[in-house]
C-alpha atoms as a PDB file:
ATOM      1  CA  UNK A   1       0.000   0.000   0.000  1.00  0.00           C
ATOM      2  CA  UNK A   2       2.789   2.362   0.903  1.00  0.00           C
ATOM      3  CA  UNK A   3       4.540   1.482  -2.385  1.00  0.00           C
ATOM      4  CA  UNK A   4       1.449   2.410  -4.413  1.00  0.00           C
ATOM      5  CA  UNK A   5       1.144   5.720  -2.538  1.00  0.00           C
ATOM      6  CA  UNK A   6       4.812   6.520  -3.156  1.00  0.00           C
ATOM      7  CA  UNK A   7       4.537   5.774  -6.873  1.00  0.00           C
ATOM      8  CA  UNK A   8       1.431   7.931  -7.135  1.00  0.00           C
ATOM      9  CA  UNK A   9       3.212  10.743  -5.351  1.00  0.00           C
ATOM     10  CA  UNK A  10       6.168  10.360  -7.680  1.00  0.00           C
ATOM     11  CA  UNK A  11       3.834  10.453 -10.650  1.00  0.00           C
ATOM     12  CA  UNK A  12       2.203  13.628  -9.374  1.00  0.00           C
ATOM     13  CA  UNK A  13       5.609  15.203  -8.759  1.00  0.00           C
ATOM     14  CA  UNK A  14       6.751  14.281 -12.270  1.00  0.00           C
ATOM     15  CA  UNK A  15       3.605  15.801 -13.768  1.00  0.00           C
ATOM     16  CA  UNK A  16       4.117  18.975 -11.717  1.00  0.00           C
ATOM     17  CA  UNK A  17       7.715  19.117 -12.950  1.00  0.00           C
ATOM     18  CA  UNK A  18       6.593  18.841 -16.567  1.00  0.00           C
ATOM     19  CA  UNK A  19       4.035  21.614 -16.061  1.00  0.00           C
ATOM     20  CA  UNK A  20       6.671  23.836 -14.415  1.00  0.00           C
ATOM     21  CA  UNK A  21       9.121  23.183 -17.255  1.00  0.00           C
ATOM     22  CA  UNK A  22       6.484  23.979 -19.857  1.00  0.00           C
ATOM     23  CA  UNK A  23       5.578  27.184 -18.011  1.00  0.00           C
ATOM     24  CA  UNK A  24       9.241  28.264 -17.865  1.00  0.00           C
ATOM     25  CA  UNK A  25       9.635  27.523 -21.571  1.00  0.00           C
ATOM     26  CA  UNK A  26       6.577  29.634 -22.330  1.00  0.00           C
ATOM     27  CA  UNK A  27       7.881  32.497 -20.215  1.00  0.00           C
ATOM     28  CA  UNK A  28      11.276  32.257 -21.904  1.00  0.00           C
ATOM     29  CA  UNK A  29       9.569  32.403 -25.295  1.00  0.00           C
ATOM     30  CA  UNK A  30       7.767  35.575 -24.278  1.00  0.00           C
ATOM     31  CA  UNK A  31      10.932  37.188 -22.852  1.00  0.00           C
ATOM     32  CA  UNK A  32      12.425  39.499 -25.500  1.00  0.00           C
ATOM     33  CA  UNK A  33      15.904  38.696 -26.715  1.00  0.00           C
ATOM     34  CA  UNK A  34      18.810  40.904 -25.724  1.00  0.00           C
ATOM     35  CA  UNK A  35      20.079  42.932 -28.710  1.00  0.00           C
ATOM     36  CA  UNK A  36      23.672  42.490 -29.793  1.00  0.00           C
ATOM     37  CA  UNK A  37      26.196  45.134 -28.759  1.00  0.00           C
ATOM     38  CA  UNK A  38      26.532  46.434 -32.324  1.00  0.00           C
ATOM     39  CA  UNK A  39      22.729  46.837 -32.469  1.00  0.00           C
ATOM     40  CA  UNK A  40      22.290  48.580 -29.121  1.00  0.00           C
ATOM     41  CA  UNK A  41      25.264  50.952 -29.144  1.00  0.00           C
ATOM     42  CA  UNK A  42      24.402  54.198 -30.986  1.00  0.00           C
ATOM     43  CA  UNK A  43      26.293  54.922 -34.204  1.00  0.00           C
ATOM     44  CA  UNK A  44      27.028  58.636 -33.972  1.00  0.00           C
ATOM     45  CA  UNK A  45      28.234  60.855 -36.762  1.00  0.00           C
ATOM     46  CA  UNK A  46      29.577  64.387 -36.448  1.00  0.00           C
ATOM     47  CA  UNK A  47      26.627  66.842 -36.719  1.00  0.00           C
ATOM     48  CA  UNK A  48      24.069  64.351 -35.401  1.00  0.00           C
ATOM     49  CA  UNK A  49      21.780  66.115 -32.929  1.00  0.00           C
ATOM     50  CA  UNK A  50      18.880  65.249 -30.651  1.00  0.00           C
ATOM     51  CA  UNK A  51      16.604  67.018 -28.181  1.00  0.00           C
ATOM     52  CA  UNK A  52      15.856  65.778 -24.661  1.00  0.00           C
ATOM     53  CA  UNK A  53      13.145  67.134 -22.375  1.00  0.00           C
ATOM     54  CA  UNK A  54      13.844  66.969 -18.636  1.00  0.00           C
ATOM     55  CA  UNK A  55      11.260  67.465 -15.901  1.00  0.00           C
ATOM     56  CA  UNK A  56      12.608  68.016 -12.373  1.00  0.00           C
ATOM     57  CA  UNK A  57      10.418  67.875  -9.295  1.00  0.00           C
ATOM     58  CA  UNK A  58      11.357  70.663  -6.839  1.00  0.00           C
ATOM     59  CA  UNK A  59      12.014  69.917  -3.194  1.00  0.00           C
ATOM     60  CA  UNK A  60       8.780  70.158  -1.214  1.00  0.00           C
ATOM     61  CA  UNK A  61       8.914  72.111   2.047  1.00  0.00           C
ATOM     62  CA  UNK A  62       7.315  70.794   5.218  1.00  0.00           C
ATOM     63  CA  UNK A  63       4.883  72.602   7.486  1.00  0.00           C
ATOM     64  CA  UNK A  64       6.104  75.033  10.143  1.00  0.00           C
ATOM     65  CA  UNK A  65       7.674  73.827  13.381  1.00  0.00           C
ATOM     66  CA  UNK A  66       4.479  74.387  15.356  1.00  0.00           C
ATOM     67  CA  UNK A  67       2.593  71.923  13.110  1.00  0.00           C
ATOM     68  CA  UNK A  68      -0.152  74.544  12.756  1.00  0.00           C
ATOM     69  CA  UNK A  69       1.332  76.472   9.887  1.00  0.00           C
ATOM     70  CA  UNK A  70       0.305  74.741   6.677  1.00  0.00           C
ATOM     71  CA  UNK A  71       3.064  73.971   4.183  1.00  0.00           C
ATOM     72  CA  UNK A  72       3.334  76.247   1.162  1.00  0.00           C
ATOM     73  CA  UNK A  73       1.626  75.021  -2.009  1.00  0.00           C
ATOM     74  CA  UNK A  74       3.789  72.643  -4.012  1.00  0.00           C
ATOM     75  CA  UNK A  75       5.968  74.326  -6.595  1.00  0.00           C
ATOM     76  CA  UNK A  76       5.390  73.276 -10.197  1.00  0.00           C
ATOM     77  CA  UNK A  77       7.933  70.963 -11.786  1.00  0.00           C
ATOM     78  CA  UNK A  78      10.798  72.565 -13.668  1.00  0.00           C
ATOM     79  CA  UNK A  79      10.693  71.667 -17.358  1.00  0.00           C
ATOM     80  CA  UNK A  80      13.591  72.264 -19.739  1.00  0.00           C
ATOM     81  CA  UNK A  81      14.732  71.045 -23.123  1.00  0.00           C
ATOM     82  CA  UNK A  82      18.351  70.430 -24.109  1.00  0.00           C
ATOM     83  CA  UNK A  83      19.869  69.965 -27.543  1.00  0.00           C
ATOM     84  CA  UNK A  84      22.749  67.497 -27.821  1.00  0.00           C
ATOM     85  CA  UNK A  85      25.028  68.003 -30.842  1.00  0.00           C
ATOM     86  CA  UNK A  86      27.942  65.787 -31.862  1.00  0.00           C
ATOM     87  CA  UNK A  87      30.238  68.722 -32.581  1.00  0.00           C
ATOM     88  CA  UNK A  88      33.488  67.025 -33.582  1.00  0.00           C
ATOM     89  CA  UNK A  89      36.022  64.285 -32.917  1.00  0.00           C
ATOM     90  CA  UNK A  90      39.050  65.238 -30.855  1.00  0.00           C
ATOM     91  CA  UNK A  91      41.767  63.620 -28.785  1.00  0.00           C
ATOM     92  CA  UNK A  92      41.863  63.409 -25.002  1.00  0.00           C
ATOM     93  CA  UNK A  93      45.405  62.183 -24.515  1.00  0.00           C
ATOM     94  CA  UNK A  94      45.667  59.043 -26.651  1.00  0.00           C
ATOM     95  CA  UNK A  95      41.908  58.443 -26.803  1.00  0.00           C
ATOM     96  CA  UNK A  96      39.834  59.692 -29.716  1.00  0.00           C
ATOM     97  CA  UNK A  97      36.524  61.065 -28.454  1.00  0.00           C
ATOM     98  CA  UNK A  98      33.287  62.541 -29.642  1.00  0.00           C
ATOM     99  CA  UNK A  99      32.747  66.014 -28.201  1.00  0.00           C
ATOM    100  CA  UNK A 100      29.026  66.500 -27.590  1.00  0.00           C
ATOM    101  CA  UNK A 101      27.785  70.010 -26.836  1.00  0.00           C
ATOM    102  CA  UNK A 102      24.618  70.392 -24.752  1.00  0.00           C
ATOM    103  CA  UNK A 103      22.758  73.687 -24.974  1.00  0.00           C
ATOM    104  CA  UNK A 104      19.395  75.039 -23.911  1.00  0.00           C
ATOM    105  CA  UNK A 105      16.688  74.513 -26.518  1.00  0.00           C
ATOM    106  CA  UNK A 106      15.428  76.372 -28.471  1.00  0.00           C
ATOM    107  CA  UNK A 107      17.757  79.274 -27.513  1.00  0.00           C
ATOM    108  CA  UNK A 108      21.357  77.985 -27.274  1.00  0.00           C
ATOM    109  CA  UNK A 109      22.540  81.334 -25.867  1.00  0.00           C
ATOM    110  CA  UNK A 110      20.907  80.600 -22.515  1.00  0.00           C
ATOM    111  CA  UNK A 111      23.208  79.344 -19.781  1.00  0.00           C
ATOM    112  CA  UNK A 112      24.324  76.966 -18.446  1.00  0.00           C
ATOM    113  CA  UNK A 113      26.037  75.013 -21.217  1.00  0.00           C
ATOM    114  CA  UNK A 114      27.646  71.593 -20.931  1.00  0.00           C
ATOM    115  CA  UNK A 115      30.148  69.595 -22.983  1.00  0.00           C
ATOM    116  CA  UNK A 116      30.871  65.886 -22.697  1.00  0.00           C
ATOM    117  CA  UNK A 117      33.598  63.779 -24.291  1.00  0.00           C
ATOM    118  CA  UNK A 118      32.921  60.103 -25.022  1.00  0.00           C
ATOM    119  CA  UNK A 119      35.285  57.477 -26.379  1.00  0.00           C
ATOM    120  CA  UNK A 120      34.494  56.911 -30.074  1.00  0.00           C
ATOM    121  CA  UNK A 121      34.859  53.124 -29.763  1.00  0.00           C
ATOM    122  CA  UNK A 122      32.990  52.353 -26.532  1.00  0.00           C
ATOM    123  CA  UNK A 123      31.019  55.623 -25.995  1.00  0.00           C
ATOM    124  CA  UNK A 124      32.295  55.582 -22.408  1.00  0.00           C
ATOM    125  CA  UNK A 125      32.080  59.020 -20.785  1.00  0.00           C
ATOM    126  CA  UNK A 126      35.608  60.381 -20.346  1.00  0.00           C
ATOM    127  CA  UNK A 127      35.158  64.064 -19.460  1.00  0.00           C
ATOM    128  CA  UNK A 128      32.468  66.594 -18.584  1.00  0.00           C
ATOM    129  CA  UNK A 129      32.639  70.387 -18.596  1.00  0.00           C
ATOM    130  CA  UNK A 130      29.699  72.383 -17.299  1.00  0.00           C
ATOM    131  CA  UNK A 131      28.719  75.725 -15.802  1.00  0.00           C
ATOM    132  CA  UNK A 132      27.501  76.119 -12.239  1.00  0.00           C
ATOM    133  CA  UNK A 133      25.927  79.293 -10.787  1.00  0.00           C
ATOM    134  CA  UNK A 134      28.282  80.942  -8.283  1.00  0.00           C
ATOM    135  CA  UNK A 135      27.656  84.383  -6.723  1.00  0.00           C
ATOM    136  CA  UNK A 136      25.352  85.535  -9.502  1.00  0.00           C
ATOM    137  CA  UNK A 137      27.626  84.301 -12.312  1.00  0.00           C
ATOM    138  CA  UNK A 138      28.567  80.992 -13.912  1.00  0.00           C
ATOM    139  CA  UNK A 139      31.786  79.155 -13.119  1.00  0.00           C
ATOM    140  CA  UNK A 140      33.135  76.466 -15.446  1.00  0.00           C
ATOM    141  CA  UNK A 141      33.788  73.096 -13.797  1.00  0.00           C
ATOM    142  CA  UNK A 142      35.584  70.157 -15.420  1.00  0.00           C
ATOM    143  CA  UNK A 143      35.501  66.539 -14.256  1.00  0.00           C
ATOM    144  CA  UNK A 144      37.210  63.545 -15.864  1.00  0.00           C
ATOM    145  CA  UNK A 145      36.660  59.787 -15.603  1.00  0.00           C
ATOM    146  CA  UNK A 146      39.314  57.091 -15.840  1.00  0.00           C
ATOM    147  CA  UNK A 147      38.738  53.298 -15.567  1.00  0.00           C
ATOM    148  CA  UNK A 148      42.381  52.957 -14.437  1.00  0.00           C
ATOM    149  CA  UNK A 149      43.590  50.315 -16.904  1.00  0.00           C
ATOM    150  CA  UNK A 150      40.351  48.362 -16.537  1.00  0.00           C
ATOM    151  CA  UNK A 151      37.584  47.882 -19.121  1.00  0.00           C
ATOM    152  CA  UNK A 152      35.414  50.894 -20.060  1.00  0.00           C
ATOM    153  CA  UNK A 153      33.062  51.681 -17.184  1.00  0.00           C
ATOM    154  CA  UNK A 154      29.599  53.220 -16.938  1.00  0.00           C
ATOM    155  CA  UNK A 155      29.613  56.672 -15.355  1.00  0.00           C
ATOM    156  CA  UNK A 156      27.010  58.618 -13.392  1.00  0.00           C
ATOM    157  CA  UNK A 157      27.850  62.272 -13.895  1.00  0.00           C
ATOM    158  CA  UNK A 158      27.568  65.017 -11.262  1.00  0.00           C
ATOM    159  CA  UNK A 159      24.398  66.459 -12.826  1.00  0.00           C
ATOM    160  CA  UNK A 160      20.820  65.265 -12.430  1.00  0.00           C
ATOM    161  CA  UNK A 161      18.811  68.042 -14.121  1.00  0.00           C
ATOM    162  CA  UNK A 162      20.828  67.482 -17.326  1.00  0.00           C
ATOM    163  CA  UNK A 163      20.880  63.743 -18.117  1.00  0.00           C
ATOM    164  CA  UNK A 164      24.516  62.899 -18.922  1.00  0.00           C
ATOM    165  CA  UNK A 165      24.854  59.451 -17.295  1.00  0.00           C
ATOM    166  CA  UNK A 166      26.294  56.863 -19.649  1.00  0.00           C
ATOM    167  CA  UNK A 167      26.329  53.036 -19.509  1.00  0.00           C
ATOM    168  CA  UNK A 168      28.636  50.649 -21.297  1.00  0.00           C
ATOM    169  CA  UNK A 169      26.970  48.673 -24.056  1.00  0.00           C
ATOM    170  CA  UNK A 170      27.055  44.937 -23.428  1.00  0.00           C
ATOM    171  CA  UNK A 171      24.461  43.755 -25.915  1.00  0.00           C
ATOM    172  CA  UNK A 172      23.643  40.081 -25.806  1.00  0.00           C
ATOM    173  CA  UNK A 173      24.434  39.835 -22.081  1.00  0.00           C
ATOM    174  CA  UNK A 174      21.651  40.557 -19.647  1.00  0.00           C
ATOM    175  CA  UNK A 175      22.293  40.663 -15.912  1.00  0.00           C
ATOM    176  CA  UNK A 176      24.437  42.563 -13.438  1.00  0.00           C
ATOM    177  CA  UNK A 177      28.079  43.575 -13.854  1.00  0.00           C
ATOM    178  CA  UNK A 178      30.423  45.474 -11.544  1.00  0.00           C
ATOM    179  CA  UNK A 179      32.849  48.212 -12.600  1.00  0.00           C
ATOM    180  CA  UNK A 180      34.998  50.909 -11.047  1.00  0.00           C
ATOM    181  CA  UNK A 181      36.485  54.180 -12.222  1.00  0.00           C
ATOM    182  CA  UNK A 182      38.209  57.262 -10.856  1.00  0.00           C
ATOM    183  CA  UNK A 183      36.443  60.636 -11.000  1.00  0.00           C
ATOM    184  CA  UNK A 184      38.773  63.604 -10.749  1.00  0.00           C
ATOM    185  CA  UNK A 185      38.473  67.371 -10.959  1.00  0.00           C
ATOM    186  CA  UNK A 186      40.287  68.747 -13.981  1.00  0.00           C
ATOM    187  CA  UNK A 187      40.608  67.614 -17.593  1.00  0.00           C
ATOM    188  CA  UNK A 188      41.380  64.064 -18.651  1.00  0.00           C
ATOM    189  CA  UNK A 189      44.913  62.995 -19.585  1.00  0.00           C
ATOM    190  CA  UNK A 190      46.359  66.059 -17.884  1.00  0.00           C
ATOM    191  CA  UNK A 191      49.045  66.202 -15.234  1.00  0.00           C
ATOM    192  CA  UNK A 192      47.280  66.291 -11.888  1.00  0.00           C
ATOM    193  CA  UNK A 193      47.494  69.436  -9.831  1.00  0.00           C
ATOM    194  CA  UNK A 194      48.144  68.733  -6.109  1.00  0.00           C
ATOM    195  CA  UNK A 195      44.837  70.443  -5.332  1.00  0.00           C
ATOM    196  CA  UNK A 196      42.821  68.267  -7.700  1.00  0.00           C
ATOM    197  CA  UNK A 197      40.272  66.060  -5.952  1.00  0.00           C
ATOM    198  CA  UNK A 198      39.952  62.450  -7.104  1.00  0.00           C
ATOM    199  CA  UNK A 199      37.888  59.597  -5.728  1.00  0.00           C
ATOM    200  CA  UNK A 200      37.153  55.997  -6.657  1.00  0.00           C
ATOM    201  CA  UNK A 201      33.625  55.022  -7.687  1.00  0.00           C
ATOM    202  CA  UNK A 202      32.255  51.484  -7.609  1.00  0.00           C
ATOM    203  CA  UNK A 203      29.278  51.095  -9.892  1.00  0.00           C
ATOM    204  CA  UNK A 204      26.948  48.252 -10.840  1.00  0.00           C
ATOM    205  CA  UNK A 205      25.166  48.045 -14.175  1.00  0.00           C
ATOM    206  CA  UNK A 206      22.138  45.803 -14.622  1.00  0.00           C
ATOM    207  CA  UNK A 207      20.867  45.218 -18.150  1.00  0.00           C
ATOM    208  CA  UNK A 208      17.458  43.690 -18.910  1.00  0.00           C
ATOM    209  CA  UNK A 209      15.449  43.358 -22.142  1.00  0.00           C
ATOM    210  CA  UNK A 210      12.055  45.027 -21.806  1.00  0.00           C
ATOM    211  CA  UNK A 211       8.711  44.127 -23.360  1.00  0.00           C
ATOM    212  CA  UNK A 212       6.835  46.716 -25.382  1.00  0.00           C
ATOM    213  CA  UNK A 213       3.840  46.475 -23.049  1.00  0.00           C
ATOM    214  CA  UNK A 214       5.839  47.343 -19.928  1.00  0.00           C
ATOM    215  CA  UNK A 215       7.400  50.404 -21.588  1.00  0.00           C
ATOM    216  CA  UNK A 216       4.264  52.063 -22.897  1.00  0.00           C
ATOM    217  CA  UNK A 217       3.485  55.287 -21.087  1.00  0.00           C
ATOM    218  CA  UNK A 218       7.125  55.829 -20.126  1.00  0.00           C
ATOM    219  CA  UNK A 219       8.397  56.915 -23.510  1.00  0.00           C
ATOM    220  CA  UNK A 220       7.058  59.397 -26.093  1.00  0.00           C
ATOM    221  CA  UNK A 221       4.447  58.137 -28.528  1.00  0.00           C
ATOM    222  CA  UNK A 222       6.674  58.525 -31.574  1.00  0.00           C
ATOM    223  CA  UNK A 223       9.194  56.069 -30.115  1.00  0.00           C
ATOM    224  CA  UNK A 224       6.583  53.569 -28.904  1.00  0.00           C
ATOM    225  CA  UNK A 225       4.996  52.930 -32.300  1.00  0.00           C
ATOM    226  CA  UNK A 226       7.680  50.506 -33.435  1.00  0.00           C
ATOM    227  CA  UNK A 227       8.613  48.761 -30.196  1.00  0.00           C
ATOM    228  CA  UNK A 228       8.135  45.315 -31.693  1.00  0.00           C
ATOM    229  CA  UNK A 229      10.769  45.955 -34.377  1.00  0.00           C
ATOM    230  CA  UNK A 230      13.066  48.259 -32.383  1.00  0.00           C
ATOM    231  CA  UNK A 231      13.488  46.517 -29.019  1.00  0.00           C
ATOM    232  CA  UNK A 232      14.143  48.199 -25.691  1.00  0.00           C
ATOM    233  CA  UNK A 233      16.713  47.498 -23.014  1.00  0.00           C
ATOM    234  CA  UNK A 234      16.458  48.693 -19.418  1.00  0.00           C
ATOM    235  CA  UNK A 235      19.773  49.781 -17.903  1.00  0.00           C
ATOM    236  CA  UNK A 236      20.163  50.489 -14.188  1.00  0.00           C
ATOM    237  CA  UNK A 237      23.310  52.213 -12.940  1.00  0.00           C
ATOM    238  CA  UNK A 238      23.801  52.068  -9.195  1.00  0.00           C
ATOM    239  CA  UNK A 239      26.454  53.674  -6.990  1.00  0.00           C
ATOM    240  CA  UNK A 240      26.546  54.327  -3.253  1.00  0.00           C
ATOM    241  CA  UNK A 241      25.073  57.787  -3.888  1.00  0.00           C
ATOM    242  CA  UNK A 242      22.262  57.248  -6.367  1.00  0.00           C
ATOM    243  CA  UNK A 243      20.512  55.056  -8.905  1.00  0.00           C
ATOM    244  CA  UNK A 244      19.877  55.922 -12.553  1.00  0.00           C
ATOM    245  CA  UNK A 245      17.353  54.025 -14.674  1.00  0.00           C
ATOM    246  CA  UNK A 246      17.379  54.283 -18.461  1.00  0.00           C
ATOM    247  CA  UNK A 247      15.522  52.771 -21.400  1.00  0.00           C
ATOM    248  CA  UNK A 248      17.631  52.437 -24.543  1.00  0.00           C
ATOM    249  CA  UNK A 249      15.949  51.674 -27.862  1.00  0.00           C
ATOM    250  CA  UNK A 250      17.796  50.126 -30.767  1.00  0.00           C
ATOM    251  CA  UNK A 251      18.413  52.761 -33.449  1.00  0.00           C
ATOM    252  CA  UNK A 252      18.181  55.798 -31.146  1.00  0.00           C
ATOM    253  CA  UNK A 253      21.191  57.973 -30.181  1.00  0.00           C
ATOM    254  CA  UNK A 254      20.263  58.509 -26.536  1.00  0.00           C
ATOM    255  CA  UNK A 255      18.054  56.806 -23.933  1.00  0.00           C
ATOM    256  CA  UNK A 256      14.408  57.357 -24.757  1.00  0.00           C
ATOM    257  CA  UNK A 257      13.695  57.546 -21.006  1.00  0.00           C
ATOM    258  CA  UNK A 258      15.854  58.379 -17.967  1.00  0.00           C
ATOM    259  CA  UNK A 259      15.043  58.578 -14.249  1.00  0.00           C
ATOM    260  CA  UNK A 260      17.763  60.138 -12.101  1.00  0.00           C
ATOM    261  CA  UNK A 261      16.856  61.437  -8.651  1.00  0.00           C
ATOM    262  CA  UNK A 262      14.098  64.056  -8.980  1.00  0.00           C
ATOM    263  CA  UNK A 263      14.466  64.273 -12.773  1.00  0.00           C
ATOM    264  CA  UNK A 264      12.743  62.320 -15.531  1.00  0.00           C
ATOM    265  CA  UNK A 265      13.958  62.873 -19.082  1.00  0.00           C
ATOM    266  CA  UNK A 266      12.632  61.745 -22.452  1.00  0.00           C
ATOM    267  CA  UNK A 267      14.070  61.831 -25.930  1.00  0.00           C
ATOM    268  CA  UNK A 268      12.008  64.251 -28.025  1.00  0.00           C
ATOM    269  CA  UNK A 269      13.590  64.153 -31.488  1.00  0.00           C
ATOM    270  CA  UNK A 270      16.631  62.994 -33.432  1.00  0.00           C
ATOM    271  CA  UNK A 271      18.140  64.775 -36.453  1.00  0.00           C
ATOM    272  CA  UNK A 272      20.833  62.733 -38.220  1.00  0.00           C
ATOM    273  CA  UNK A 273      23.740  64.528 -39.869  1.00  0.00           C
ATOM    274  CA  UNK A 274      23.219  65.381 -43.521  1.00  0.00           C
ATOM    275  CA  UNK A 275      25.103  63.024 -45.808  1.00  0.00           C
END
């Protein structure tokens, strides 16, 4: 009797295993494939340009200390558009880089302005130059990024209102990877001044293919029309200080969606260079 019961139990367990295996196979079939690196990594040309709209939620103030004074009404979000232009190729030390200029849109004369340099082969962020308001004026600040003889590393820049964070493109490989780099004040490939500040950054990058259904509502309509043919990849960059989430779409020069701290940014348009 016990033998019959054991065999029945084994039969039930085997059937449950087959059902579980079939379910996993079905889920795997529905999971989108990870694009190859050469598909996912943008192919920039000098004079390519694109516009990004960033919306930053202001810090909300609390009520007064006596708990009777109501808090002030919430401030409206700060909305701004930035135009990214691949201005030229130039050397930073031995590395050839794209220099991308970021200006206010539609009036590029408005400050602040930002420039970023990215390695032409890996698109790793190597240097950033931006303007910060100081005593009623704008001071230029430069920061450089060095993987220190390691592989190219993703970088989370010092800005959140202007989305300049950059991953490394590891198409075909989903999952988490760990990297490190050195962030230093001053230009890249320059002799360090004793007063320059440098610090090591450990960063994790998690890459996941994303279904079209889960991305709808996060990205502009014009980029969501062809999600079946132009797949999306979710990239999460995480350091001890903050987390950046991006959605990269095959064929686009910049993430179609970015969440960094209080700022959400979306790609608005892309204008390829004239041939």
